[in-house]
Amino acid sequence: MLYQFGKSVKIKNSINRPSIFKCEVNVIIIDKAGRVLLRYLMEDDIWALPGGVLKKGQLLEDAAKAETSNQVGLRCRNLKIFSIYLNCDSYFENKVYDLKLVYVCKDISGQLVYDKAQGKVSLFFDIKSMPGKTSPYIRKVIDDLTLRYEEVMSW
């Protein structure tokens, strides 16, 4: 069973349909002005949070820090767990469960990478004026952040 906001979610498994878990991390980066960083994925024409898939043997927090540094050029410290999401209906007829751990980081350093030619475009957005072109998963994370914004800002 998986827990999200106090609710349990049962994961179905059958003999004919083996389950595979894909584990990802994402980071909600919030600057001193309270804005949220999103990166533009040119190939998909959507905005997303920094993050990626865990490599074998990699720790969750290490993966979050490495992906953020690689994708947007920022170093994250003092990551806090925001939520866990499970998407079990988007890949290969429910054979792959996409488990995503989302962190929040307000303690950042480094230089934000902006290289349009390389497809590295990242911008900070006000929580009330986020871009419309996001995946349903990112939209859910943003909606959850909006509901918990005051709480998160007090961390």
N, C-alpha and C. Protein backbone atom coordinates (compact mmCIF):
# COMPACT_ATOMS: atom_id res chain seq x y z
N MET A 1 0.82 -1.18 0.00
CA MET A 1 0.00 0.00 0.00
C MET A 1 0.86 1.24 0.00
N LEU A 2 0.36 2.29 -0.60
CA LEU A 2 1.06 3.55 -0.69
C LEU A 2 0.19 4.61 -0.02
N TYR A 3 0.79 5.53 0.68
CA TYR A 3 0.03 6.56 1.37
C TYR A 3 0.30 7.92 0.75
N GLN A 4 -0.77 8.66 0.53
CA GLN A 4 -0.65 10.03 0.04
C GLN A 4 -1.69 10.87 0.76
N PHE A 5 -1.24 11.86 1.48
CA PHE A 5 -2.12 12.74 2.24
C PHE A 5 -3.09 11.96 3.11
N GLY A 6 -2.60 10.90 3.77
CA GLY A 6 -3.42 10.13 4.69
C GLY A 6 -4.35 9.13 4.05
N LYS A 7 -4.32 9.00 2.74
CA LYS A 7 -5.17 8.03 2.06
C LYS A 7 -4.32 6.87 1.60
N SER A 8 -4.84 5.67 1.71
CA SER A 8 -4.08 4.52 1.22
C SER A 8 -4.52 4.21 -0.21
N VAL A 9 -3.56 3.82 -1.01
CA VAL A 9 -3.81 3.48 -2.41
C VAL A 9 -3.36 2.04 -2.62
N LYS A 10 -4.28 1.16 -3.02
CA LYS A 10 -3.91 -0.22 -3.27
C LYS A 10 -3.37 -0.36 -4.69
N ILE A 11 -2.30 -1.12 -4.81
CA ILE A 11 -1.70 -1.36 -6.12
C ILE A 11 -2.06 -2.78 -6.53
N LYS A 12 -2.78 -2.89 -7.65
CA LYS A 12 -3.19 -4.21 -8.13
C LYS A 12 -2.04 -4.89 -8.85
N ASN A 13 -2.01 -6.20 -8.73
CA ASN A 13 -0.99 -6.99 -9.41
C ASN A 13 -1.63 -8.32 -9.79
N SER A 14 -1.35 -8.78 -10.98
CA SER A 14 -1.88 -10.07 -11.40
C SER A 14 -0.77 -10.92 -11.97
N ILE A 15 -1.00 -12.22 -12.03
CA ILE A 15 0.01 -13.15 -12.53
C ILE A 15 0.33 -12.89 -13.99
N ASN A 16 -0.68 -12.57 -14.79
CA ASN A 16 -0.48 -12.36 -16.22
C ASN A 16 0.13 -10.99 -16.54
N ARG A 17 0.12 -10.10 -15.59
CA ARG A 17 0.60 -8.75 -15.85
C ARG A 17 1.59 -8.35 -14.76
N PRO A 18 2.85 -8.71 -14.93
CA PRO A 18 3.82 -8.35 -13.90
C PRO A 18 3.97 -6.83 -13.79
N SER A 19 4.18 -6.36 -12.58
CA SER A 19 4.32 -4.93 -12.35
C SER A 19 5.78 -4.52 -12.29
N ILE A 20 6.05 -3.37 -12.87
CA ILE A 20 7.37 -2.78 -12.83
C ILE A 20 7.22 -1.40 -12.21
N PHE A 21 8.09 -1.08 -11.27
CA PHE A 21 8.06 0.25 -10.68
C PHE A 21 9.18 1.09 -11.27
N LYS A 22 8.80 2.26 -11.74
CA LYS A 22 9.77 3.25 -12.20
C LYS A 22 9.77 4.36 -11.16
N CYS A 23 10.90 4.64 -10.58
CA CYS A 23 10.98 5.63 -9.50
C CYS A 23 11.64 6.90 -10.02
N GLU A 24 10.96 8.01 -9.82
CA GLU A 24 11.47 9.31 -10.26
C GLU A 24 11.47 10.28 -9.10
N VAL A 25 12.28 11.31 -9.23
CA VAL A 25 12.27 12.41 -8.27
C VAL A 25 12.07 13.71 -9.03
N ASN A 26 11.40 14.64 -8.41
CA ASN A 26 11.25 16.00 -8.94
C ASN A 26 11.50 16.97 -7.80
N VAL A 27 11.89 18.18 -8.15
CA VAL A 27 12.17 19.19 -7.14
C VAL A 27 11.39 20.46 -7.46
N ILE A 28 10.61 20.91 -6.49
CA ILE A 28 9.96 22.22 -6.57
C ILE A 28 10.96 23.20 -5.99
N ILE A 29 11.55 24.04 -6.84
CA ILE A 29 12.51 25.03 -6.39
C ILE A 29 11.78 26.36 -6.24
N ILE A 30 11.87 26.93 -5.04
CA ILE A 30 11.20 28.20 -4.75
C ILE A 30 12.27 29.24 -4.42
N ASP A 31 12.24 30.36 -5.15
CA ASP A 31 13.24 31.42 -4.90
C ASP A 31 12.80 32.32 -3.75
N LYS A 32 13.63 33.31 -3.44
CA LYS A 32 13.35 34.20 -2.30
C LYS A 32 12.07 35.01 -2.49
N ALA A 33 11.66 35.21 -3.75
CA ALA A 33 10.42 35.94 -4.04
C ALA A 33 9.19 35.02 -3.99
N GLY A 34 9.41 33.73 -3.71
CA GLY A 34 8.29 32.79 -3.62
C GLY A 34 7.85 32.23 -4.96
N ARG A 35 8.67 32.43 -6.00
CA ARG A 35 8.33 31.92 -7.33
C ARG A 35 8.86 30.50 -7.50
N VAL A 36 8.21 29.75 -8.39
CA VAL A 36 8.55 28.34 -8.63
C VAL A 36 9.27 28.20 -9.97
N LEU A 37 10.35 27.41 -9.96
CA LEU A 37 11.14 27.19 -11.17
C LEU A 37 10.56 26.05 -12.00
N LEU A 38 10.35 26.32 -13.28
CA LEU A 38 9.97 25.28 -14.24
C LEU A 38 10.96 25.31 -15.39
N ARG A 39 11.17 24.15 -15.99
CA ARG A 39 12.05 24.09 -17.16
C ARG A 39 11.21 23.69 -18.36
N TYR A 40 11.56 24.26 -19.50
CA TYR A 40 10.81 24.00 -20.73
C TYR A 40 11.41 22.83 -21.47
N LEU A 41 10.58 21.83 -21.76
CA LEU A 41 11.01 20.66 -22.53
C LEU A 41 10.59 20.88 -23.98
N MET A 42 11.53 21.32 -24.80
CA MET A 42 11.22 21.68 -26.18
C MET A 42 10.65 20.52 -26.98
N GLU A 43 11.20 19.31 -26.77
CA GLU A 43 10.76 18.16 -27.56
C GLU A 43 9.30 17.79 -27.28
N ASP A 44 8.82 18.10 -26.06
CA ASP A 44 7.44 17.80 -25.71
C ASP A 44 6.54 19.03 -25.70
N ASP A 45 7.14 20.21 -25.83
CA ASP A 45 6.43 21.48 -25.80
C ASP A 45 5.62 21.65 -24.51
N ILE A 46 6.27 21.32 -23.38
CA ILE A 46 5.62 21.50 -22.08
C ILE A 46 6.63 22.00 -21.05
N TRP A 47 6.11 22.54 -19.96
CA TRP A 47 6.92 22.95 -18.83
C TRP A 47 6.90 21.83 -17.79
N ALA A 48 8.04 21.65 -17.11
CA ALA A 48 8.16 20.57 -16.13
C ALA A 48 9.03 21.02 -14.96
N LEU A 49 8.99 20.25 -13.91
CA LEU A 49 9.88 20.45 -12.77
C LEU A 49 11.22 19.78 -13.05
N PRO A 50 12.31 20.28 -12.49
CA PRO A 50 13.57 19.56 -12.60
C PRO A 50 13.44 18.18 -11.95
N GLY A 51 14.12 17.20 -12.51
CA GLY A 51 14.09 15.86 -11.92
C GLY A 51 14.32 14.80 -12.96
N GLY A 52 14.24 13.55 -12.52
CA GLY A 52 14.46 12.45 -13.44
C GLY A 52 14.35 11.11 -12.76
N VAL A 53 14.70 10.07 -13.50
CA VAL A 53 14.58 8.68 -13.05
C VAL A 53 15.81 8.31 -12.21
N LEU A 54 15.59 7.56 -11.14
CA LEU A 54 16.69 7.07 -10.32
C LEU A 54 17.51 6.05 -11.07
N LYS A 55 18.80 6.11 -10.86
CA LYS A 55 19.69 5.10 -11.41
C LYS A 55 19.89 4.02 -10.35
N LYS A 56 20.26 2.84 -10.77
CA LYS A 56 20.43 1.72 -9.85
C LYS A 56 21.41 2.10 -8.73
N GLY A 57 20.98 1.89 -7.49
CA GLY A 57 21.81 2.16 -6.33
C GLY A 57 21.86 3.61 -5.89
N GLN A 58 21.18 4.50 -6.61
CA GLN A 58 21.21 5.92 -6.30
C GLN A 58 20.21 6.24 -5.19
N LEU A 59 20.59 7.10 -4.27
CA LEU A 59 19.69 7.55 -3.22
C LEU A 59 18.75 8.62 -3.77
N LEU A 60 17.53 8.67 -3.23
CA LEU A 60 16.52 9.62 -3.72
C LEU A 60 17.02 11.06 -3.68
N GLU A 61 17.50 11.49 -2.53
CA GLU A 61 17.93 12.87 -2.39
C GLU A 61 19.13 13.18 -3.29
N ASP A 62 20.05 12.23 -3.41
CA ASP A 62 21.20 12.42 -4.31
C ASP A 62 20.75 12.56 -5.76
N ALA A 63 19.77 11.77 -6.15
CA ALA A 63 19.24 11.86 -7.52
C ALA A 63 18.59 13.22 -7.76
N ALA A 64 17.82 13.69 -6.79
CA ALA A 64 17.16 14.99 -6.92
C ALA A 64 18.18 16.11 -7.08
N LYS A 65 19.22 16.07 -6.27
CA LYS A 65 20.26 17.11 -6.34
C LYS A 65 21.03 17.03 -7.67
N ALA A 66 21.38 15.83 -8.09
CA ALA A 66 22.14 15.66 -9.33
C ALA A 66 21.34 16.09 -10.55
N GLU A 67 20.08 15.67 -10.63
CA GLU A 67 19.24 16.04 -11.77
C GLU A 67 19.02 17.55 -11.84
N THR A 68 18.80 18.17 -10.68
CA THR A 68 18.59 19.62 -10.65
C THR A 68 19.84 20.36 -11.11
N SER A 69 20.98 19.95 -10.61
CA SER A 69 22.24 20.59 -11.01
C SER A 69 22.49 20.42 -12.51
N ASN A 70 22.26 19.23 -13.01
CA ASN A 70 22.49 18.94 -14.43
C ASN A 70 21.51 19.69 -15.34
N GLN A 71 20.26 19.75 -14.95
CA GLN A 71 19.23 20.31 -15.82
C GLN A 71 19.14 21.83 -15.78
N VAL A 72 19.29 22.42 -14.59
CA VAL A 72 19.08 23.86 -14.48
C VAL A 72 20.27 24.62 -13.90
N GLY A 73 21.33 23.90 -13.50
CA GLY A 73 22.54 24.55 -13.02
C GLY A 73 22.53 24.99 -11.57
N LEU A 74 21.49 24.66 -10.83
CA LEU A 74 21.40 25.08 -9.43
C LEU A 74 21.74 23.93 -8.49
N ARG A 75 22.35 24.28 -7.36
CA ARG A 75 22.63 23.30 -6.32
C ARG A 75 21.58 23.46 -5.22
N CYS A 76 21.00 22.35 -4.84
CA CYS A 76 19.96 22.34 -3.81
C CYS A 76 20.51 21.84 -2.48
N ARG A 77 20.12 22.51 -1.42
CA ARG A 77 20.44 22.06 -0.07
C ARG A 77 19.14 22.03 0.73
N ASN A 78 19.13 21.25 1.78
CA ASN A 78 17.98 21.19 2.70
C ASN A 78 16.67 20.85 1.98
N LEU A 79 16.69 19.77 1.23
CA LEU A 79 15.47 19.31 0.56
C LEU A 79 14.47 18.80 1.59
N LYS A 80 13.21 19.11 1.35
CA LYS A 80 12.13 18.62 2.20
C LYS A 80 11.15 17.85 1.33
N ILE A 81 10.66 16.73 1.83
CA ILE A 81 9.70 15.93 1.05
C ILE A 81 8.37 16.67 1.00
N PHE A 82 7.86 16.86 -0.21
CA PHE A 82 6.57 17.50 -0.41
C PHE A 82 5.45 16.47 -0.50
N SER A 83 5.62 15.47 -1.38
CA SER A 83 4.58 14.45 -1.56
C SER A 83 5.11 13.29 -2.40
N ILE A 84 4.33 12.23 -2.41
CA ILE A 84 4.60 11.06 -3.25
C ILE A 84 3.40 10.87 -4.16
N TYR A 85 3.66 10.64 -5.44
CA TYR A 85 2.60 10.45 -6.42
C TYR A 85 2.78 9.09 -7.09
N LEU A 86 1.66 8.47 -7.39
CA LEU A 86 1.68 7.19 -8.10
C LEU A 86 0.79 7.31 -9.31
N ASN A 87 1.37 7.06 -10.47
CA ASN A 87 0.60 7.07 -11.71
C ASN A 87 0.67 5.66 -12.27
N CYS A 88 -0.44 4.95 -12.20
CA CYS A 88 -0.41 3.55 -12.63
C CYS A 88 -1.29 3.30 -13.85
N ASP A 89 -1.57 4.35 -14.61
CA ASP A 89 -2.44 4.10 -15.76
C ASP A 89 -1.95 4.75 -17.05
N SER A 90 -0.67 5.07 -17.12
CA SER A 90 -0.23 5.76 -18.33
C SER A 90 0.75 4.97 -19.19
N TYR A 91 1.29 3.89 -18.69
CA TYR A 91 2.31 3.18 -19.46
C TYR A 91 1.95 1.72 -19.65
N PHE A 92 2.07 1.24 -20.83
CA PHE A 92 2.04 -0.18 -21.15
C PHE A 92 0.89 -0.95 -20.47
N GLU A 93 -0.30 -0.46 -20.62
CA GLU A 93 -1.49 -1.14 -20.08
C GLU A 93 -1.35 -1.43 -18.58
N ASN A 94 -0.94 -0.45 -17.83
CA ASN A 94 -0.82 -0.55 -16.36
C ASN A 94 0.26 -1.51 -15.88
N LYS A 95 1.19 -1.89 -16.72
CA LYS A 95 2.25 -2.78 -16.27
C LYS A 95 3.37 -2.03 -15.56
N VAL A 96 3.46 -0.73 -15.80
CA VAL A 96 4.50 0.07 -15.17
C VAL A 96 3.84 1.08 -14.24
N TYR A 97 4.27 1.06 -12.98
CA TYR A 97 3.79 2.03 -12.00
C TYR A 97 4.85 3.11 -11.88
N ASP A 98 4.47 4.32 -12.11
CA ASP A 98 5.38 5.45 -12.08
C ASP A 98 5.27 6.11 -10.70
N LEU A 99 6.24 5.83 -9.85
CA LEU A 99 6.28 6.36 -8.49
C LEU A 99 7.17 7.59 -8.48
N LYS A 100 6.62 8.72 -8.03
CA LYS A 100 7.37 9.97 -8.07
C LYS A 100 7.41 10.60 -6.68
N LEU A 101 8.62 10.88 -6.23
CA LEU A 101 8.82 11.58 -4.97
C LEU A 101 9.16 13.02 -5.30
N VAL A 102 8.41 13.95 -4.71
CA VAL A 102 8.61 15.36 -4.99
C VAL A 102 9.16 16.05 -3.75
N TYR A 103 10.27 16.73 -3.94
CA TYR A 103 10.89 17.52 -2.88
C TYR A 103 10.59 18.99 -3.09
N VAL A 104 10.76 19.78 -2.02
CA VAL A 104 10.75 21.23 -2.09
C VAL A 104 12.12 21.71 -1.67
N CYS A 105 12.64 22.70 -2.38
CA CYS A 105 13.92 23.29 -2.02
C CYS A 105 13.82 24.81 -2.11
N LYS A 106 14.16 25.47 -1.00
CA LYS A 106 14.22 26.93 -0.99
C LYS A 106 15.65 27.43 -0.77
N ASP A 107 16.56 26.50 -0.52
CA ASP A 107 17.96 26.81 -0.25
C ASP A 107 18.79 26.43 -1.48
N ILE A 108 18.97 27.39 -2.38
CA ILE A 108 19.65 27.11 -3.65
C ILE A 108 20.85 28.02 -3.83
N SER A 109 21.79 27.54 -4.63
CA SER A 109 22.94 28.35 -5.02
C SER A 109 23.31 27.97 -6.45
N GLY A 110 24.20 28.77 -7.03
CA GLY A 110 24.61 28.49 -8.40
C GLY A 110 23.97 29.45 -9.38
N GLN A 111 24.28 29.23 -10.63
CA GLN A 111 23.79 30.09 -11.71
C GLN A 111 22.77 29.32 -12.54
N LEU A 112 21.59 29.88 -12.71
CA LEU A 112 20.55 29.26 -13.52
C LEU A 112 21.02 29.18 -14.97
N VAL A 113 20.95 27.99 -15.55
CA VAL A 113 21.37 27.76 -16.93
C VAL A 113 20.24 28.17 -17.87
N TYR A 114 20.60 29.00 -18.85
CA TYR A 114 19.65 29.38 -19.89
C TYR A 114 20.38 29.27 -21.21
N ASP A 115 20.09 28.20 -21.94
CA ASP A 115 20.74 27.96 -23.23
C ASP A 115 19.68 27.45 -24.20
N LYS A 116 19.01 28.37 -24.86
CA LYS A 116 17.91 28.00 -25.75
C LYS A 116 18.37 27.05 -26.85
N ALA A 117 19.57 27.23 -27.36
CA ALA A 117 20.09 26.37 -28.43
C ALA A 117 20.22 24.92 -27.96
N GLN A 118 20.55 24.72 -26.69
CA GLN A 118 20.69 23.37 -26.13
C GLN A 118 19.37 22.87 -25.53
N GLY A 119 18.33 23.68 -25.61
CA GLY A 119 17.04 23.27 -25.05
C GLY A 119 16.98 23.43 -23.55
N LYS A 120 17.85 24.27 -22.99
CA LYS A 120 17.87 24.49 -21.54
C LYS A 120 17.27 25.86 -21.25
N VAL A 121 15.97 25.89 -21.09
CA VAL A 121 15.26 27.11 -20.77
C VAL A 121 14.52 26.87 -19.47
N SER A 122 14.89 27.64 -18.45
CA SER A 122 14.25 27.52 -17.14
C SER A 122 13.88 28.91 -16.66
N LEU A 123 12.67 29.04 -16.14
CA LEU A 123 12.18 30.33 -15.67
C LEU A 123 11.44 30.16 -14.35
N PHE A 124 11.49 31.22 -13.53
CA PHE A 124 10.70 31.24 -12.30
C PHE A 124 9.34 31.85 -12.61
N PHE A 125 8.29 31.23 -12.06
CA PHE A 125 6.92 31.69 -12.26
C PHE A 125 6.26 31.94 -10.91
N ASP A 126 5.42 32.97 -10.87
CA ASP A 126 4.58 33.19 -9.71
C ASP A 126 3.59 32.03 -9.61
N ILE A 127 3.29 31.58 -8.41
CA ILE A 127 2.40 30.43 -8.22
C ILE A 127 1.01 30.68 -8.82
N LYS A 128 0.61 31.94 -8.92
CA LYS A 128 -0.71 32.26 -9.46
C LYS A 128 -0.71 32.44 -10.98
N SER A 129 0.45 32.41 -11.59
CA SER A 129 0.51 32.60 -13.05
C SER A 129 1.44 31.57 -13.71
N MET A 130 1.18 30.31 -13.42
CA MET A 130 1.98 29.23 -14.00
C MET A 130 1.56 29.02 -15.46
N PRO A 131 2.48 28.55 -16.29
CA PRO A 131 2.14 28.31 -17.70
C PRO A 131 1.12 27.18 -17.84
N GLY A 132 0.32 27.25 -18.87
CA GLY A 132 -0.72 26.25 -19.09
C GLY A 132 -0.22 24.95 -19.67
N LYS A 133 0.90 24.99 -20.38
CA LYS A 133 1.40 23.79 -21.05
C LYS A 133 2.24 22.95 -20.10
N THR A 134 1.57 22.08 -19.34
CA THR A 134 2.24 21.14 -18.44
C THR A 134 1.56 19.79 -18.58
N SER A 135 2.22 18.76 -18.10
CA SER A 135 1.60 17.44 -18.10
C SER A 135 0.55 17.39 -16.99
N PRO A 136 -0.39 16.44 -17.06
CA PRO A 136 -1.38 16.31 -15.97
C PRO A 136 -0.71 16.10 -14.61
N TYR A 137 0.40 15.37 -14.58
CA TYR A 137 1.12 15.14 -13.33
C TYR A 137 1.66 16.46 -12.77
N ILE A 138 2.31 17.26 -13.59
CA ILE A 138 2.85 18.54 -13.13
C ILE A 138 1.72 19.47 -12.71
N ARG A 139 0.62 19.45 -13.44
CA ARG A 139 -0.55 20.26 -13.07
C ARG A 139 -1.04 19.86 -11.67
N LYS A 140 -1.07 18.56 -11.37
CA LYS A 140 -1.49 18.06 -10.06
C LYS A 140 -0.54 18.55 -8.97
N VAL A 141 0.76 18.47 -9.23
CA VAL A 141 1.76 18.94 -8.26
C VAL A 141 1.58 20.43 -8.00
N ILE A 142 1.39 21.21 -9.06
CA ILE A 142 1.20 22.66 -8.93
C ILE A 142 -0.08 22.96 -8.16
N ASP A 143 -1.16 22.24 -8.47
CA ASP A 143 -2.41 22.43 -7.73
C ASP A 143 -2.23 22.11 -6.25
N ASP A 144 -1.52 21.02 -5.95
CA ASP A 144 -1.26 20.65 -4.55
C ASP A 144 -0.39 21.70 -3.87
N LEU A 145 0.59 22.22 -4.58
CA LEU A 145 1.45 23.26 -4.02
C LEU A 145 0.64 24.53 -3.75
N THR A 146 -0.25 24.87 -4.65
CA THR A 146 -1.10 26.05 -4.46
C THR A 146 -1.91 25.91 -3.18
N LEU A 147 -2.47 24.73 -2.95
CA LEU A 147 -3.26 24.49 -1.73
C LEU A 147 -2.42 24.55 -0.46
N ARG A 148 -1.17 24.15 -0.56
CA ARG A 148 -0.29 24.06 0.61
C ARG A 148 0.78 25.15 0.61
N TYR A 149 0.61 26.17 -0.20
CA TYR A 149 1.66 27.17 -0.41
C TYR A 149 2.12 27.84 0.90
N GLU A 150 1.17 28.30 1.70
CA GLU A 150 1.54 28.98 2.96
C GLU A 150 2.30 28.04 3.88
N GLU A 151 1.86 26.79 3.95
CA GLU A 151 2.56 25.79 4.77
C GLU A 151 3.99 25.59 4.27
N VAL A 152 4.14 25.40 2.97
CA VAL A 152 5.46 25.17 2.38
C VAL A 152 6.37 26.38 2.59
N MET A 153 5.84 27.57 2.46
CA MET A 153 6.66 28.77 2.63
C MET A 153 7.13 28.94 4.07
N SER A 154 6.45 28.30 5.01
CA SER A 154 6.85 28.40 6.42
C SER A 154 7.95 27.40 6.78
N TRP A 155 8.26 26.47 5.89
CA TRP A 155 9.29 25.45 6.17
C TRP A 155 10.65 26.08 6.25
